[in-house]
Amino acid sequence: YFRLFSHLFITDDDVESILYIDTDVGILNSLGGLEKHKNHSSIFQWGDSQCAGFLYLNLKLFPMFWNLAHEIDKNDSVVNPHRNVMNDQRLLRMIAKYYPHVVSTLPPEWDIHATHVVKNMDQNPGFVHLNGGARGENQTAFHDHAFMTNQNNENSWWAVKYYVR
């Protein structure tokens, strides 16, 4: 939840925004080029998949996030129908649904997850999020996918075993 309160702790006036990165995100490309995609009028930015593991957070505008959060219907099952618990990811999705004008998306190469990295390798991914997956077209967690368990693939750059040996 720290990402939702970071504006309270990072109070340097010279810091407009931060890049929040989950610990299960592997950076595959230089972050230097990401700066040109920053939208200064958005509260936060993420990929089309709406995963909160890689976010630009605008610290100057983030207090507006909480003002908007107080206005939304917290029981909206459309945003996340399979989970009845309010969490930070769900709250971010609700803000994106109800107030899309304050949220913007990052380019596709900055929205790659282990569950779809193989079919998106031609995009020159900026990162791969090694999250549990289980969301999307086949609902299988990344570590159970055939491409992750196939011995022919275990030495590929996108396979988890490649990095943890």
Protein backbone atom coordinates (compact mmCIF):
# COMPACT_ATOMS: atom_id res chain seq x y z
CA TYR A 1 0.00 0.00 0.00
CA PHE A 2 3.01 2.32 0.29
CA ARG A 3 2.55 3.45 -3.31
CA LEU A 4 -0.79 5.05 -2.37
CA PHE A 5 0.76 7.02 0.47
CA SER A 6 4.18 7.80 -1.02
CA HIS A 7 3.23 11.45 -1.55
CA LEU A 8 3.07 11.82 2.25
CA PHE A 9 6.63 10.56 2.73
CA ILE A 10 8.43 11.95 -0.30
CA THR A 11 7.95 15.63 0.33
CA ASP A 12 10.84 17.17 -1.62
CA ASP A 13 9.32 19.95 -3.76
CA ASP A 14 11.72 19.10 -6.59
CA VAL A 15 10.26 15.59 -6.97
CA GLU A 16 7.19 15.71 -9.20
CA SER A 17 6.77 12.00 -9.80
CA ILE A 18 8.20 8.62 -8.92
CA LEU A 19 8.34 5.29 -10.66
CA TYR A 20 6.93 2.55 -8.46
CA ILE A 21 8.27 -0.92 -9.31
CA ASP A 22 7.18 -4.14 -7.57
CA THR A 23 9.96 -6.40 -6.35
CA ASP A 24 8.90 -9.10 -8.83
CA VAL A 25 9.54 -6.89 -11.86
CA GLY A 26 12.64 -7.56 -13.91
CA ILE A 27 13.91 -4.52 -15.85
CA LEU A 28 14.98 -5.57 -19.38
CA ASN A 29 15.57 -2.19 -20.98
CA SER A 30 16.87 1.22 -20.02
CA LEU A 31 14.44 3.26 -17.94
CA GLY A 32 15.89 6.40 -19.51
CA GLY A 33 13.49 6.40 -22.44
CA LEU A 34 10.48 6.04 -20.20
CA GLU A 35 10.66 9.69 -19.13
CA LYS A 36 9.43 10.88 -22.55
CA HIS A 37 6.14 9.02 -21.97
CA LYS A 38 5.40 10.76 -18.67
CA ASN A 39 2.07 12.59 -18.65
CA HIS A 40 2.34 15.51 -16.22
CA SER A 41 -1.43 15.94 -16.00
CA SER A 42 -2.17 12.37 -14.89
CA ILE A 43 -2.35 11.26 -11.27
CA PHE A 44 -0.84 7.94 -12.27
CA GLN A 45 0.15 5.96 -15.35
CA TRP A 46 0.18 2.24 -15.98
CA GLY A 47 -0.24 -0.24 -18.79
CA ASP A 48 -3.47 -1.31 -20.46
CA SER A 49 -3.52 -4.44 -18.28
CA GLN A 50 -3.97 -2.19 -15.23
CA CYS A 51 -1.41 -3.97 -13.12
CA ALA A 52 -0.12 -1.83 -10.28
CA GLY A 53 3.35 -3.39 -10.25
CA PHE A 54 4.82 -0.70 -12.53
CA LEU A 55 3.39 2.79 -12.08
CA TYR A 56 4.33 6.38 -12.61
CA LEU A 57 2.88 8.29 -9.66
CA ASN A 58 2.52 12.05 -9.84
CA LEU A 59 3.24 13.11 -6.25
CA LYS A 60 2.03 16.66 -6.84
CA LEU A 61 -1.40 15.46 -8.02
CA PHE A 62 -1.75 12.38 -5.82
CA PRO A 63 -3.76 14.08 -3.05
CA MET A 64 -6.50 14.37 -5.71
CA PHE A 65 -6.52 10.54 -5.86
CA TRP A 66 -7.87 10.36 -2.32
CA ASN A 67 -10.46 13.07 -2.95
CA LEU A 68 -11.74 11.09 -5.94
CA ALA A 69 -11.58 7.79 -4.03
CA HIS A 70 -14.06 9.12 -1.50
CA GLU A 71 -16.57 9.72 -4.30
CA ILE A 72 -16.60 6.28 -5.94
CA ASP A 73 -18.83 3.29 -5.29
CA LYS A 74 -16.57 0.90 -3.38
CA ASN A 75 -18.97 -2.00 -4.00
CA ASP A 76 -18.68 -1.83 -7.78
CA SER A 77 -18.27 -5.46 -8.82
CA VAL A 78 -17.67 -4.54 -12.46
CA VAL A 79 -14.11 -3.40 -11.81
CA ASN A 80 -12.97 -6.55 -10.04
CA PRO A 81 -15.85 -9.05 -9.84
CA HIS A 82 -13.87 -11.99 -8.47
CA ARG A 83 -12.59 -10.27 -5.37
CA ASN A 84 -14.71 -8.88 -2.61
CA VAL A 85 -11.83 -7.33 -0.69
CA MET A 86 -10.81 -3.71 -1.20
CA ASN A 87 -7.12 -3.44 -1.90
CA ASP A 88 -4.77 -0.95 -3.47
CA GLN A 89 -4.94 -2.50 -6.96
CA ARG A 90 -8.73 -2.48 -6.92
CA LEU A 91 -8.80 1.14 -5.77
CA LEU A 92 -6.46 2.13 -8.61
CA ARG A 93 -8.73 0.31 -11.08
CA MET A 94 -11.79 2.08 -9.71
CA ILE A 95 -10.16 5.48 -10.10
CA ALA A 96 -9.26 4.51 -13.68
CA LYS A 97 -12.84 3.45 -14.39
CA TYR A 98 -14.66 6.39 -12.82
CA TYR A 99 -12.11 9.09 -13.66
CA PRO A 100 -10.25 7.99 -16.82
CA HIS A 101 -9.23 11.59 -17.55
CA VAL A 102 -6.78 11.56 -14.58
CA VAL A 103 -5.11 8.27 -15.57
CA SER A 104 -3.01 7.55 -18.64
CA THR A 105 -1.36 4.49 -20.08
CA LEU A 106 2.22 3.64 -20.79
CA PRO A 107 3.32 2.17 -24.13
CA PRO A 108 2.84 -1.61 -24.55
CA GLU A 109 6.52 -2.40 -24.03
CA TRP A 110 6.08 -1.12 -20.46
CA ASP A 111 3.20 -3.49 -19.77
CA ILE A 112 4.64 -6.99 -20.21
CA HIS A 113 3.81 -9.79 -17.80
CA ALA A 114 5.25 -13.27 -17.69
CA THR A 115 1.92 -14.70 -18.81
CA HIS A 116 2.21 -12.98 -22.20
CA VAL A 117 5.89 -12.19 -22.63
CA VAL A 118 6.53 -14.79 -25.33
CA LYS A 119 3.92 -13.46 -27.73
CA ASN A 120 5.11 -9.89 -27.10
CA MET A 121 8.85 -10.41 -27.45
CA ASP A 122 8.86 -8.46 -30.71
CA GLN A 123 7.88 -5.34 -28.75
CA ASN A 124 11.32 -5.12 -27.13
CA PRO A 125 9.87 -5.25 -23.62
CA GLY A 126 11.02 -2.71 -21.07
CA PHE A 127 10.30 -5.07 -18.22
CA VAL A 128 8.66 -8.35 -17.38
CA HIS A 129 6.42 -8.61 -14.35
CA LEU A 130 6.84 -12.04 -12.80
CA ASN A 131 3.54 -11.84 -11.00
CA GLY A 132 1.28 -14.80 -10.47
CA GLY A 133 -0.73 -14.04 -13.56
CA ALA A 134 -4.02 -15.95 -13.53
CA ARG A 135 -5.63 -13.02 -15.31
CA GLY A 136 -6.34 -12.76 -18.98
CA GLU A 137 -7.27 -15.13 -21.70
CA ASN A 138 -6.18 -18.45 -20.19
CA GLN A 139 -6.27 -17.77 -16.44
CA THR A 140 -3.06 -19.74 -15.83
CA ALA A 141 -0.37 -18.45 -13.49
CA PHE A 142 2.93 -17.85 -15.30
CA HIS A 143 4.82 -20.58 -13.46
CA ASP A 144 2.32 -23.19 -14.72
CA HIS A 145 2.49 -22.19 -18.40
CA ALA A 146 3.96 -24.77 -20.76
CA PHE A 147 6.53 -22.26 -21.99
CA MET A 148 7.84 -21.87 -18.43
CA THR A 149 8.00 -25.59 -17.64
CA ASN A 150 9.33 -26.78 -21.01
CA GLN A 151 13.00 -27.74 -20.58
CA ASN A 152 13.78 -26.32 -24.03
CA ASN A 153 12.84 -22.86 -22.77
CA GLU A 154 14.46 -22.82 -19.34
CA ASN A 155 17.63 -21.09 -20.58
CA SER A 156 15.78 -18.35 -22.45
CA TRP A 157 16.16 -14.78 -21.24
CA TRP A 158 12.45 -14.51 -20.39
CA ALA A 159 12.31 -17.68 -18.24
CA VAL A 160 12.45 -17.23 -14.49
CA LYS A 161 14.94 -20.08 -14.07
CA TYR A 162 17.39 -18.13 -16.25
CA TYR A 163 17.65 -15.42 -13.58
CA VAL A 164 17.47 -17.41 -10.37
CA ARG A 165 20.26 -19.92 -10.95
